[in-house]
mmCIF file of all heavy atoms, coordinates in Angstrom:
data_MODEL
# 
_entry.id   MODEL 
# 
loop_
_atom_site.group_PDB 
_atom_site.id 
_atom_site.type_symbol 
_atom_site.label_atom_id 
_atom_site.label_alt_id 
_atom_site.label_comp_id 
_atom_site.label_asym_id 
_atom_site.label_entity_id 
_atom_site.label_seq_id 
_atom_site.pdbx_PDB_ins_code 
_atom_site.Cartn_x 
_atom_site.Cartn_y 
_atom_site.Cartn_z 
_atom_site.occupancy 
_atom_site.B_iso_or_equiv 
_atom_site.pdbx_formal_charge 
_atom_site.auth_seq_id 
_atom_site.auth_comp_id 
_atom_site.auth_asym_id 
_atom_site.auth_atom_id 
_atom_site.pdbx_PDB_model_num 
ATOM 1   N N   . VAL A 1 1  ? 85.755  106.174 27.617 1.00 0.00 ? 1  VAL A N   1 
ATOM 2   C CA  . VAL A 1 1  ? 85.564  107.285 28.555 1.00 0.00 ? 1  VAL A CA  1 
ATOM 3   C C   . VAL A 1 1  ? 85.850  106.817 29.977 1.00 0.00 ? 1  VAL A C   1 
ATOM 4   O O   . VAL A 1 1  ? 86.509  107.513 30.760 1.00 0.00 ? 1  VAL A O   1 
ATOM 5   C CB  . VAL A 1 1  ? 84.133  107.865 28.432 1.00 0.00 ? 1  VAL A CB  1 
ATOM 6   C CG1 . VAL A 1 1  ? 83.835  108.836 29.558 1.00 0.00 ? 1  VAL A CG1 1 
ATOM 7   C CG2 . VAL A 1 1  ? 83.947  108.541 27.080 1.00 0.00 ? 1  VAL A CG2 1 
ATOM 8   N N   . SER A 1 2  ? 85.402  105.634 30.310 1.00 0.00 ? 2  SER A N   1 
ATOM 9   C CA  . SER A 1 2  ? 85.631  105.082 31.642 1.00 0.00 ? 2  SER A CA  1 
ATOM 10  C C   . SER A 1 2  ? 87.119  104.850 31.907 1.00 0.00 ? 2  SER A C   1 
ATOM 11  O O   . SER A 1 2  ? 87.610  105.122 33.006 1.00 0.00 ? 2  SER A O   1 
ATOM 12  C CB  . SER A 1 2  ? 84.859  103.772 31.789 1.00 0.00 ? 2  SER A CB  1 
ATOM 13  O OG  . SER A 1 2  ? 85.107  103.199 33.041 1.00 0.00 ? 2  SER A OG  1 
ATOM 14  N N   . LEU A 1 3  ? 87.832  104.350 30.911 1.00 0.00 ? 3  LEU A N   1 
ATOM 15  C CA  . LEU A 1 3  ? 89.273  104.131 31.074 1.00 0.00 ? 3  LEU A CA  1 
ATOM 16  C C   . LEU A 1 3  ? 90.008  105.444 31.316 1.00 0.00 ? 3  LEU A C   1 
ATOM 17  O O   . LEU A 1 3  ? 90.865  105.529 32.196 1.00 0.00 ? 3  LEU A O   1 
ATOM 18  C CB  . LEU A 1 3  ? 89.852  103.454 29.825 1.00 0.00 ? 3  LEU A CB  1 
ATOM 19  C CG  . LEU A 1 3  ? 89.583  101.973 29.678 1.00 0.00 ? 3  LEU A CG  1 
ATOM 20  C CD1 . LEU A 1 3  ? 90.045  101.490 28.307 1.00 0.00 ? 3  LEU A CD1 1 
ATOM 21  C CD2 . LEU A 1 3  ? 90.283  101.203 30.770 1.00 0.00 ? 3  LEU A CD2 1 
ATOM 22  N N   . ILE A 1 4  ? 89.672  106.462 30.555 1.00 0.00 ? 4  ILE A N   1 
ATOM 23  C CA  . ILE A 1 4  ? 90.309  107.770 30.718 1.00 0.00 ? 4  ILE A CA  1 
ATOM 24  C C   . ILE A 1 4  ? 89.999  108.337 32.101 1.00 0.00 ? 4  ILE A C   1 
ATOM 25  O O   . ILE A 1 4  ? 90.876  108.822 32.811 1.00 0.00 ? 4  ILE A O   1 
ATOM 26  C CB  . ILE A 1 4  ? 89.869  108.733 29.593 1.00 0.00 ? 4  ILE A CB  1 
ATOM 27  C CG1 . ILE A 1 4  ? 90.426  108.246 28.258 1.00 0.00 ? 4  ILE A CG1 1 
ATOM 28  C CG2 . ILE A 1 4  ? 90.308  110.161 29.891 1.00 0.00 ? 4  ILE A CG2 1 
ATOM 29  C CD1 . ILE A 1 4  ? 89.810  108.917 27.045 1.00 0.00 ? 4  ILE A CD1 1 
ATOM 30  N N   . ARG A 1 5  ? 88.724  108.249 32.500 1.00 0.00 ? 5  ARG A N   1 
ATOM 31  C CA  . ARG A 1 5  ? 88.317  108.730 33.821 1.00 0.00 ? 5  ARG A CA  1 
ATOM 32  C C   . ARG A 1 5  ? 89.064  107.996 34.923 1.00 0.00 ? 5  ARG A C   1 
ATOM 33  O O   . ARG A 1 5  ? 89.610  108.609 35.852 1.00 0.00 ? 5  ARG A O   1 
ATOM 34  C CB  . ARG A 1 5  ? 86.815  108.530 34.003 1.00 0.00 ? 5  ARG A CB  1 
ATOM 35  C CG  . ARG A 1 5  ? 86.300  109.055 35.341 1.00 0.00 ? 5  ARG A CG  1 
ATOM 36  C CD  . ARG A 1 5  ? 85.134  108.260 35.876 1.00 0.00 ? 5  ARG A CD  1 
ATOM 37  N NE  . ARG A 1 5  ? 85.552  106.883 36.095 1.00 0.00 ? 5  ARG A NE  1 
ATOM 38  C CZ  . ARG A 1 5  ? 84.799  105.830 35.865 1.00 0.00 ? 5  ARG A CZ  1 
ATOM 39  N NH1 . ARG A 1 5  ? 83.578  105.963 35.407 1.00 0.00 ? 5  ARG A NH1 1 
ATOM 40  N NH2 . ARG A 1 5  ? 85.245  104.623 36.086 1.00 0.00 ? 5  ARG A NH2 1 
ATOM 41  N N   . SER A 1 6  ? 89.114  106.690 34.834 1.00 0.00 ? 6  SER A N   1 
ATOM 42  C CA  . SER A 1 6  ? 89.769  105.876 35.848 1.00 0.00 ? 6  SER A CA  1 
ATOM 43  C C   . SER A 1 6  ? 91.251  106.204 35.942 1.00 0.00 ? 6  SER A C   1 
ATOM 44  O O   . SER A 1 6  ? 91.808  106.348 37.038 1.00 0.00 ? 6  SER A O   1 
ATOM 45  C CB  . SER A 1 6  ? 89.571  104.400 35.526 1.00 0.00 ? 6  SER A CB  1 
ATOM 46  O OG  . SER A 1 6  ? 90.170  103.594 36.495 1.00 0.00 ? 6  SER A OG  1 
ATOM 47  N N   . TYR A 1 7  ? 91.908  106.328 34.803 1.00 0.00 ? 7  TYR A N   1 
ATOM 48  C CA  . TYR A 1 7  ? 93.339  106.645 34.776 1.00 0.00 ? 7  TYR A CA  1 
ATOM 49  C C   . TYR A 1 7  ? 93.600  108.006 35.414 1.00 0.00 ? 7  TYR A C   1 
ATOM 50  O O   . TYR A 1 7  ? 94.486  108.156 36.258 1.00 0.00 ? 7  TYR A O   1 
ATOM 51  C CB  . TYR A 1 7  ? 93.868  106.623 33.343 1.00 0.00 ? 7  TYR A CB  1 
ATOM 52  C CG  . TYR A 1 7  ? 95.309  107.045 33.251 1.00 0.00 ? 7  TYR A CG  1 
ATOM 53  C CD1 . TYR A 1 7  ? 96.328  106.151 33.557 1.00 0.00 ? 7  TYR A CD1 1 
ATOM 54  C CD2 . TYR A 1 7  ? 95.654  108.333 32.886 1.00 0.00 ? 7  TYR A CD2 1 
ATOM 55  C CE1 . TYR A 1 7  ? 97.658  106.529 33.486 1.00 0.00 ? 7  TYR A CE1 1 
ATOM 56  C CE2 . TYR A 1 7  ? 96.971  108.728 32.817 1.00 0.00 ? 7  TYR A CE2 1 
ATOM 57  C CZ  . TYR A 1 7  ? 97.972  107.830 33.121 1.00 0.00 ? 7  TYR A CZ  1 
ATOM 58  O OH  . TYR A 1 7  ? 99.275  108.218 33.058 1.00 0.00 ? 7  TYR A OH  1 
ATOM 59  N N   . CYS A 1 8  ? 92.805  109.013 35.034 1.00 0.00 ? 8  CYS A N   1 
ATOM 60  C CA  . CYS A 1 8  ? 92.998  110.367 35.565 1.00 0.00 ? 8  CYS A CA  1 
ATOM 61  C C   . CYS A 1 8  ? 92.781  110.406 37.074 1.00 0.00 ? 8  CYS A C   1 
ATOM 62  O O   . CYS A 1 8  ? 93.553  111.033 37.801 1.00 0.00 ? 8  CYS A O   1 
ATOM 63  C CB  . CYS A 1 8  ? 92.069  111.357 34.865 1.00 0.00 ? 8  CYS A CB  1 
ATOM 64  S SG  . CYS A 1 8  ? 92.514  111.647 33.144 1.00 0.00 ? 8  CYS A SG  1 
ATOM 65  N N   . LEU A 1 9  ? 91.742  109.731 37.550 1.00 0.00 ? 9  LEU A N   1 
ATOM 66  C CA  . LEU A 1 9  ? 91.504  109.703 38.991 1.00 0.00 ? 9  LEU A CA  1 
ATOM 67  C C   . LEU A 1 9  ? 92.611  108.970 39.735 1.00 0.00 ? 9  LEU A C   1 
ATOM 68  O O   . LEU A 1 9  ? 93.055  109.400 40.802 1.00 0.00 ? 9  LEU A O   1 
ATOM 69  C CB  . LEU A 1 9  ? 90.155  109.048 39.296 1.00 0.00 ? 9  LEU A CB  1 
ATOM 70  C CG  . LEU A 1 9  ? 88.931  109.921 39.049 1.00 0.00 ? 9  LEU A CG  1 
ATOM 71  C CD1 . LEU A 1 9  ? 87.651  109.121 39.229 1.00 0.00 ? 9  LEU A CD1 1 
ATOM 72  C CD2 . LEU A 1 9  ? 88.937  111.129 39.965 1.00 0.00 ? 9  LEU A CD2 1 
ATOM 73  N N   . ARG A 1 10 ? 93.080  107.869 39.165 1.00 0.00 ? 10 ARG A N   1 
ATOM 74  C CA  . ARG A 1 10 ? 94.165  107.123 39.816 1.00 0.00 ? 10 ARG A CA  1 
ATOM 75  C C   . ARG A 1 10 ? 95.414  107.993 39.911 1.00 0.00 ? 10 ARG A C   1 
ATOM 76  O O   . ARG A 1 10 ? 96.092  108.012 40.936 1.00 0.00 ? 10 ARG A O   1 
ATOM 77  C CB  . ARG A 1 10 ? 94.471  105.839 39.045 1.00 0.00 ? 10 ARG A CB  1 
ATOM 78  C CG  . ARG A 1 10 ? 95.466  104.945 39.762 1.00 0.00 ? 10 ARG A CG  1 
ATOM 79  C CD  . ARG A 1 10 ? 95.563  103.605 39.090 1.00 0.00 ? 10 ARG A CD  1 
ATOM 80  N NE  . ARG A 1 10 ? 94.306  102.898 39.179 1.00 0.00 ? 10 ARG A NE  1 
ATOM 81  C CZ  . ARG A 1 10 ? 94.133  101.780 39.874 1.00 0.00 ? 10 ARG A CZ  1 
ATOM 82  N NH1 . ARG A 1 10 ? 95.137  101.248 40.519 1.00 0.00 ? 10 ARG A NH1 1 
ATOM 83  N NH2 . ARG A 1 10 ? 92.972  101.190 39.911 1.00 0.00 ? 10 ARG A NH2 1 
ATOM 84  N N   . ARG A 1 11 ? 95.731  108.716 38.841 1.00 0.00 ? 11 ARG A N   1 
ATOM 85  C CA  . ARG A 1 11 ? 96.912  109.591 38.864 1.00 0.00 ? 11 ARG A CA  1 
ATOM 86  C C   . ARG A 1 11 ? 96.722  110.740 39.858 1.00 0.00 ? 11 ARG A C   1 
ATOM 87  O O   . ARG A 1 11 ? 97.652  111.125 40.555 1.00 0.00 ? 11 ARG A O   1 
ATOM 88  C CB  . ARG A 1 11 ? 97.211  110.158 37.474 1.00 0.00 ? 11 ARG A CB  1 
ATOM 89  C CG  . ARG A 1 11 ? 97.536  109.126 36.393 1.00 0.00 ? 11 ARG A CG  1 
ATOM 90  C CD  . ARG A 1 11 ? 98.485  108.008 36.774 1.00 0.00 ? 11 ARG A CD  1 
ATOM 91  N NE  . ARG A 1 11 ? 99.678  108.448 37.438 1.00 0.00 ? 11 ARG A NE  1 
ATOM 92  C CZ  . ARG A 1 11 ? 100.395 107.700 38.274 1.00 0.00 ? 11 ARG A CZ  1 
ATOM 93  N NH1 . ARG A 1 11 ? 100.047 106.465 38.521 1.00 0.00 ? 11 ARG A NH1 1 
ATOM 94  N NH2 . ARG A 1 11 ? 101.465 108.182 38.852 1.00 0.00 ? 11 ARG A NH2 1 
ATOM 95  N N   . LEU A 1 12 ? 95.493  111.288 39.926 1.00 0.00 ? 12 LEU A N   1 
ATOM 96  C CA  . LEU A 1 12 ? 95.207  112.367 40.874 1.00 0.00 ? 12 LEU A CA  1 
ATOM 97  C C   . LEU A 1 12 ? 95.396  111.885 42.307 1.00 0.00 ? 12 LEU A C   1 
ATOM 98  O O   . LEU A 1 12 ? 96.064  112.539 43.108 1.00 0.00 ? 12 LEU A O   1 
ATOM 99  C CB  . LEU A 1 12 ? 93.773  112.872 40.677 1.00 0.00 ? 12 LEU A CB  1 
ATOM 100 C CG  . LEU A 1 12 ? 93.293  113.913 41.684 1.00 0.00 ? 12 LEU A CG  1 
ATOM 101 C CD1 . LEU A 1 12 ? 94.073  115.213 41.512 1.00 0.00 ? 12 LEU A CD1 1 
ATOM 102 C CD2 . LEU A 1 12 ? 91.803  114.160 41.520 1.00 0.00 ? 12 LEU A CD2 1 
ATOM 103 N N   . PHE A 1 13 ? 94.825  110.737 42.631 1.00 0.00 ? 13 PHE A N   1 
ATOM 104 C CA  . PHE A 1 13 ? 94.974  110.212 43.982 1.00 0.00 ? 13 PHE A CA  1 
ATOM 105 C C   . PHE A 1 13 ? 96.423  109.851 44.280 1.00 0.00 ? 13 PHE A C   1 
ATOM 106 O O   . PHE A 1 13 ? 96.888  110.025 45.406 1.00 0.00 ? 13 PHE A O   1 
ATOM 107 C CB  . PHE A 1 13 ? 94.056  108.998 44.199 1.00 0.00 ? 13 PHE A CB  1 
ATOM 108 C CG  . PHE A 1 13 ? 92.652  109.387 44.543 1.00 0.00 ? 13 PHE A CG  1 
ATOM 109 C CD1 . PHE A 1 13 ? 91.725  109.620 43.535 1.00 0.00 ? 13 PHE A CD1 1 
ATOM 110 C CD2 . PHE A 1 13 ? 92.255  109.527 45.857 1.00 0.00 ? 13 PHE A CD2 1 
ATOM 111 C CE1 . PHE A 1 13 ? 90.433  109.988 43.843 1.00 0.00 ? 13 PHE A CE1 1 
ATOM 112 C CE2 . PHE A 1 13 ? 90.957  109.900 46.178 1.00 0.00 ? 13 PHE A CE2 1 
ATOM 113 C CZ  . PHE A 1 13 ? 90.037  110.126 45.161 1.00 0.00 ? 13 PHE A CZ  1 
ATOM 114 N N   . GLU A 1 14 ? 97.132  109.352 43.299 1.00 0.00 ? 14 GLU A N   1 
ATOM 115 C CA  . GLU A 1 14 ? 98.549  109.030 43.495 1.00 0.00 ? 14 GLU A CA  1 
ATOM 116 C C   . GLU A 1 14 ? 99.343  110.301 43.772 1.00 0.00 ? 14 GLU A C   1 
ATOM 117 O O   . GLU A 1 14 ? 100.235 110.315 44.613 1.00 0.00 ? 14 GLU A O   1 
ATOM 118 C CB  . GLU A 1 14 ? 99.101  108.301 42.273 1.00 0.00 ? 14 GLU A CB  1 
ATOM 119 C CG  . GLU A 1 14 ? 100.526 107.843 42.415 1.00 0.00 ? 14 GLU A CG  1 
ATOM 120 C CD  . GLU A 1 14 ? 100.741 106.797 43.502 1.00 0.00 ? 14 GLU A CD  1 
ATOM 121 O OE1 . GLU A 1 14 ? 99.802  106.054 43.845 1.00 0.00 ? 14 GLU A OE1 1 
ATOM 122 O OE2 . GLU A 1 14 ? 101.872 106.721 44.025 1.00 0.00 ? 14 GLU A OE2 1 
ATOM 123 N N   . ALA A 1 15 ? 99.006  111.380 43.080 1.00 0.00 ? 15 ALA A N   1 
ATOM 124 C CA  . ALA A 1 15 ? 99.695  112.659 43.294 1.00 0.00 ? 15 ALA A CA  1 
ATOM 125 C C   . ALA A 1 15 ? 99.389  113.220 44.681 1.00 0.00 ? 15 ALA A C   1 
ATOM 126 O O   . ALA A 1 15 ? 100.230 113.912 45.264 1.00 0.00 ? 15 ALA A O   1 
ATOM 127 C CB  . ALA A 1 15 ? 99.285  113.661 42.217 1.00 0.00 ? 15 ALA A CB  1 
ATOM 128 N N   . CYS A 1 16 ? 98.214  112.934 45.200 1.00 0.00 ? 16 CYS A N   1 
ATOM 129 C CA  . CYS A 1 16 ? 97.814  113.453 46.516 1.00 0.00 ? 16 CYS A CA  1 
ATOM 130 C C   . CYS A 1 16 ? 98.315  112.590 47.667 1.00 0.00 ? 16 CYS A C   1 
ATOM 131 O O   . CYS A 1 16 ? 98.310  113.024 48.812 1.00 0.00 ? 16 CYS A O   1 
ATOM 132 C CB  . CYS A 1 16 ? 96.291  113.545 46.599 1.00 0.00 ? 16 CYS A CB  1 
ATOM 133 S SG  . CYS A 1 16 ? 95.595  114.765 45.483 1.00 0.00 ? 16 CYS A SG  1 
ATOM 134 N N   . ARG A 1 17 ? 98.738  111.389 47.367 1.00 0.00 ? 17 ARG A N   1 
ATOM 135 C CA  . ARG A 1 17 ? 99.201  110.461 48.405 1.00 0.00 ? 17 ARG A CA  1 
ATOM 136 C C   . ARG A 1 17 ? 100.553 110.910 48.942 1.00 0.00 ? 17 ARG A C   1 
ATOM 137 O O   . ARG A 1 17 ? 101.435 111.285 48.169 1.00 0.00 ? 17 ARG A O   1 
ATOM 138 C CB  . ARG A 1 17 ? 99.335  109.051 47.811 1.00 0.00 ? 17 ARG A CB  1 
ATOM 139 C CG  . ARG A 1 17 ? 99.679  107.983 48.814 1.00 0.00 ? 17 ARG A CG  1 
ATOM 140 C CD  . ARG A 1 17 ? 99.688  106.639 48.126 1.00 0.00 ? 17 ARG A CD  1 
ATOM 141 N NE  . ARG A 1 17 ? 100.746 106.566 47.153 1.00 0.00 ? 17 ARG A NE  1 
ATOM 142 C CZ  . ARG A 1 17 ? 101.860 105.829 47.294 1.00 0.00 ? 17 ARG A CZ  1 
ATOM 143 N NH1 . ARG A 1 17 ? 102.020 105.086 48.354 1.00 0.00 ? 17 ARG A NH1 1 
ATOM 144 N NH2 . ARG A 1 17 ? 102.780 105.816 46.375 1.00 0.00 ? 17 ARG A NH2 1 
ATOM 145 N N   . PRO A 1 18 ? 100.721 110.875 50.260 1.00 0.00 ? 18 PRO A N   1 
ATOM 146 C CA  . PRO A 1 18 ? 102.039 111.238 50.814 1.00 0.00 ? 18 PRO A CA  1 
ATOM 147 C C   . PRO A 1 18 ? 103.115 110.297 50.283 1.00 0.00 ? 18 PRO A C   1 
ATOM 148 O O   . PRO A 1 18 ? 102.872 109.104 50.134 1.00 0.00 ? 18 PRO A O   1 
ATOM 149 C CB  . PRO A 1 18 ? 101.869 111.050 52.323 1.00 0.00 ? 18 PRO A CB  1 
ATOM 150 C CG  . PRO A 1 18 ? 100.413 110.898 52.565 1.00 0.00 ? 18 PRO A CG  1 
ATOM 151 C CD  . PRO A 1 18 ? 99.767  110.504 51.278 1.00 0.00 ? 18 PRO A CD  1 
ATOM 152 N N   . ARG A 1 19 ? 104.249 110.840 49.978 1.00 0.00 ? 19 ARG A N   1 
ATOM 153 C CA  . ARG A 1 19 ? 105.335 110.040 49.401 1.00 0.00 ? 19 ARG A CA  1 
ATOM 154 C C   . ARG A 1 19 ? 105.889 109.023 50.394 1.00 0.00 ? 19 ARG A C   1 
ATOM 155 O O   . ARG A 1 19 ? 106.231 107.915 50.052 1.00 0.00 ? 19 ARG A O   1 
ATOM 156 C CB  . ARG A 1 19 ? 106.471 110.945 48.907 1.00 0.00 ? 19 ARG A CB  1 
ATOM 157 C CG  . ARG A 1 19 ? 106.039 111.827 47.769 1.00 0.00 ? 19 ARG A CG  1 
ATOM 158 C CD  . ARG A 1 19 ? 105.767 110.967 46.553 1.00 0.00 ? 19 ARG A CD  1 
ATOM 159 N NE  . ARG A 1 19 ? 105.137 111.782 45.528 1.00 0.00 ? 19 ARG A NE  1 
ATOM 160 C CZ  . ARG A 1 19 ? 104.097 111.428 44.815 1.00 0.00 ? 19 ARG A CZ  1 
ATOM 161 N NH1 . ARG A 1 19 ? 103.545 110.264 44.993 1.00 0.00 ? 19 ARG A NH1 1 
ATOM 162 N NH2 . ARG A 1 19 ? 103.590 112.213 43.904 1.00 0.00 ? 19 ARG A NH2 1 
ATOM 163 N N   . HIS A 1 20 ? 106.039 109.429 51.638 1.00 0.00 ? 20 HIS A N   1 
ATOM 164 C CA  . HIS A 1 20 ? 106.571 108.521 52.652 1.00 0.00 ? 20 HIS A CA  1 
ATOM 165 C C   . HIS A 1 20 ? 105.572 108.457 53.787 1.00 0.00 ? 20 HIS A C   1 
ATOM 166 O O   . HIS A 1 20 ? 105.404 109.411 54.528 1.00 0.00 ? 20 HIS A O   1 
ATOM 167 C CB  . HIS A 1 20 ? 107.919 109.017 53.182 1.00 0.00 ? 20 HIS A CB  1 
ATOM 168 C CG  . HIS A 1 20 ? 108.949 109.131 52.101 1.00 0.00 ? 20 HIS A CG  1 
ATOM 169 N ND1 . HIS A 1 20 ? 109.532 108.039 51.530 1.00 0.00 ? 20 HIS A ND1 1 
ATOM 170 C CD2 . HIS A 1 20 ? 109.457 110.201 51.451 1.00 0.00 ? 20 HIS A CD2 1 
ATOM 171 C CE1 . HIS A 1 20 ? 110.374 108.435 50.598 1.00 0.00 ? 20 HIS A CE1 1 
ATOM 172 N NE2 . HIS A 1 20 ? 110.340 109.745 50.527 1.00 0.00 ? 20 HIS A NE2 1 
ATOM 173 N N   . ALA A 1 21 ? 104.901 107.331 53.885 1.00 0.00 ? 21 ALA A N   1 
ATOM 174 C CA  . ALA A 1 21 ? 103.896 107.165 54.932 1.00 0.00 ? 21 ALA A CA  1 
ATOM 175 C C   . ALA A 1 21 ? 104.570 107.193 56.293 1.00 0.00 ? 21 ALA A C   1 
ATOM 176 O O   . ALA A 1 21 ? 105.633 106.615 56.486 1.00 0.00 ? 21 ALA A O   1 
ATOM 177 C CB  . ALA A 1 21 ? 103.142 105.862 54.729 1.00 0.00 ? 21 ALA A CB  1 
ATOM 178 N N   . ASN A 1 22 ? 103.957 107.888 57.226 1.00 0.00 ? 22 ASN A N   1 
ATOM 179 C CA  . ASN A 1 22 ? 104.463 107.930 58.585 1.00 0.00 ? 22 ASN A CA  1 
ATOM 180 C C   . ASN A 1 22 ? 104.008 106.659 59.288 1.00 0.00 ? 22 ASN A C   1 
ATOM 181 O O   . ASN A 1 22 ? 102.882 106.562 59.742 1.00 0.00 ? 22 ASN A O   1 
ATOM 182 C CB  . ASN A 1 22 ? 103.924 109.181 59.285 1.00 0.00 ? 22 ASN A CB  1 
ATOM 183 C CG  . ASN A 1 22 ? 104.482 109.334 60.681 1.00 0.00 ? 22 ASN A CG  1 
ATOM 184 O OD1 . ASN A 1 22 ? 105.214 108.476 61.170 1.00 0.00 ? 22 ASN A OD1 1 
ATOM 185 N ND2 . ASN A 1 22 ? 104.127 110.423 61.328 1.00 0.00 ? 22 ASN A ND2 1 
ATOM 186 N N   . LEU A 1 23 ? 104.885 105.688 59.381 1.00 0.00 ? 23 LEU A N   1 
ATOM 187 C CA  . LEU A 1 23 ? 104.524 104.385 59.930 1.00 0.00 ? 23 LEU A CA  1 
ATOM 188 C C   . LEU A 1 23 ? 104.187 104.462 61.408 1.00 0.00 ? 23 LEU A C   1 
ATOM 189 O O   . LEU A 1 23 ? 103.518 103.583 61.932 1.00 0.00 ? 23 LEU A O   1 
ATOM 190 C CB  . LEU A 1 23 ? 105.631 103.371 59.679 1.00 0.00 ? 23 LEU A CB  1 
ATOM 191 C CG  . LEU A 1 23 ? 105.880 103.032 58.215 1.00 0.00 ? 23 LEU A CG  1 
ATOM 192 C CD1 . LEU A 1 23 ? 107.012 102.026 58.090 1.00 0.00 ? 23 LEU A CD1 1 
ATOM 193 C CD2 . LEU A 1 23 ? 104.638 102.500 57.554 1.00 0.00 ? 23 LEU A CD2 1 
ATOM 194 N N   . SER A 1 24 ? 104.628 105.517 62.102 1.00 0.00 ? 24 SER A N   1 
ATOM 195 C CA  . SER A 1 24 ? 104.308 105.631 63.520 1.00 0.00 ? 24 SER A CA  1 
ATOM 196 C C   . SER A 1 24 ? 102.819 105.881 63.725 1.00 0.00 ? 24 SER A C   1 
ATOM 197 O O   . SER A 1 24 ? 102.297 105.670 64.809 1.00 0.00 ? 24 SER A O   1 
ATOM 198 C CB  . SER A 1 24 ? 105.129 106.756 64.161 1.00 0.00 ? 24 SER A CB  1 
ATOM 199 O OG  . SER A 1 24 ? 104.762 107.996 63.595 1.00 0.00 ? 24 SER A OG  1 
ATOM 200 N N   . ARG A 1 25 ? 102.133 106.344 62.682 1.00 0.00 ? 25 ARG A N   1 
ATOM 201 C CA  . ARG A 1 25 ? 100.700 106.577 62.793 1.00 0.00 ? 25 ARG A CA  1 
ATOM 202 C C   . ARG A 1 25 ? 99.901  105.294 62.621 1.00 0.00 ? 25 ARG A C   1 
ATOM 203 O O   . ARG A 1 25 ? 98.721  105.256 62.922 1.00 0.00 ? 25 ARG A O   1 
ATOM 204 C CB  . ARG A 1 25 ? 100.237 107.589 61.745 1.00 0.00 ? 25 ARG A CB  1 
ATOM 205 C CG  . ARG A 1 25 ? 100.773 108.966 61.994 1.00 0.00 ? 25 ARG A CG  1 
ATOM 206 C CD  . ARG A 1 25 ? 100.177 109.931 61.023 1.00 0.00 ? 25 ARG A CD  1 
ATOM 207 N NE  . ARG A 1 25 ? 100.447 109.487 59.651 1.00 0.00 ? 25 ARG A NE  1 
ATOM 208 C CZ  . ARG A 1 25 ? 99.951  110.070 58.581 1.00 0.00 ? 25 ARG A CZ  1 
ATOM 209 N NH1 . ARG A 1 25 ? 99.151  111.087 58.702 1.00 0.00 ? 25 ARG A NH1 1 
ATOM 210 N NH2 . ARG A 1 25 ? 100.237 109.627 57.379 1.00 0.00 ? 25 ARG A NH2 1 
ATOM 211 N N   . CYS A 1 26 ? 100.532 104.246 62.122 1.00 0.00 ? 26 CYS A N   1 
ATOM 212 C CA  . CYS A 1 26 ? 99.832  102.986 61.900 1.00 0.00 ? 26 CYS A CA  1 
ATOM 213 C C   . CYS A 1 26 ? 99.502  102.347 63.225 1.00 0.00 ? 26 CYS A C   1 
ATOM 214 O O   . CYS A 1 26 ? 100.269 102.436 64.180 1.00 0.00 ? 26 CYS A O   1 
ATOM 215 C CB  . CYS A 1 26 ? 100.689 102.034 61.067 1.00 0.00 ? 26 CYS A CB  1 
ATOM 216 S SG  . CYS A 1 26 ? 100.952 102.621 59.398 1.00 0.00 ? 26 CYS A SG  1 
ATOM 217 N N   . LYS A 1 27 ? 98.366  101.685 63.266 1.00 0.00 ? 27 LYS A N   1 
ATOM 218 C CA  . LYS A 1 27 ? 97.924  101.047 64.501 1.00 0.00 ? 27 LYS A CA  1 
ATOM 219 C C   . LYS A 1 27 ? 98.121  99.543  64.417 1.00 0.00 ? 27 LYS A C   1 
ATOM 220 O O   . LYS A 1 27 ? 98.040  98.948  63.372 1.00 0.00 ? 27 LYS A O   1 
ATOM 221 C CB  . LYS A 1 27 ? 96.464  101.358 64.752 1.00 0.00 ? 27 LYS A CB  1 
ATOM 222 C CG  . LYS A 1 27 ? 96.221  102.819 64.962 1.00 0.00 ? 27 LYS A CG  1 
ATOM 223 C CD  . LYS A 1 27 ? 94.750  103.092 65.172 1.00 0.00 ? 27 LYS A CD  1 
ATOM 224 C CE  . LYS A 1 27 ? 94.564  104.583 65.368 1.00 0.00 ? 27 LYS A CE  1 
ATOM 225 N NZ  . LYS A 1 27 ? 93.197  105.000 65.260 1.00 0.00 ? 27 LYS A NZ  1 
ATOM 226 N N   . THR A 1 28 ? 98.356  98.952  65.545 1.00 0.00 ? 28 THR A N   1 
ATOM 227 C CA  . THR A 1 28 ? 98.445  97.511  65.642 1.00 0.00 ? 28 THR A CA  1 
ATOM 228 C C   . THR A 1 28 ? 97.071  97.002  66.044 1.00 0.00 ? 28 THR A C   1 
ATOM 229 O O   . THR A 1 28 ? 96.481  97.486  67.011 1.00 0.00 ? 28 THR A O   1 
ATOM 230 C CB  . THR A 1 28 ? 99.491  97.096  66.684 1.00 0.00 ? 28 THR A CB  1 
ATOM 231 O OG1 . THR A 1 28 ? 100.744 97.643  66.299 1.00 0.00 ? 28 THR A OG1 1 
ATOM 232 C CG2 . THR A 1 28 ? 99.579  95.601  66.791 1.00 0.00 ? 28 THR A CG2 1 
# 
């Protein structure tokens, strides 16, 4: 159950992650 939960959450967060990070927003 934990493996299934972990996999589903990882895929959900991956789907929500922007495809191309705006590097200008990164701070030094």
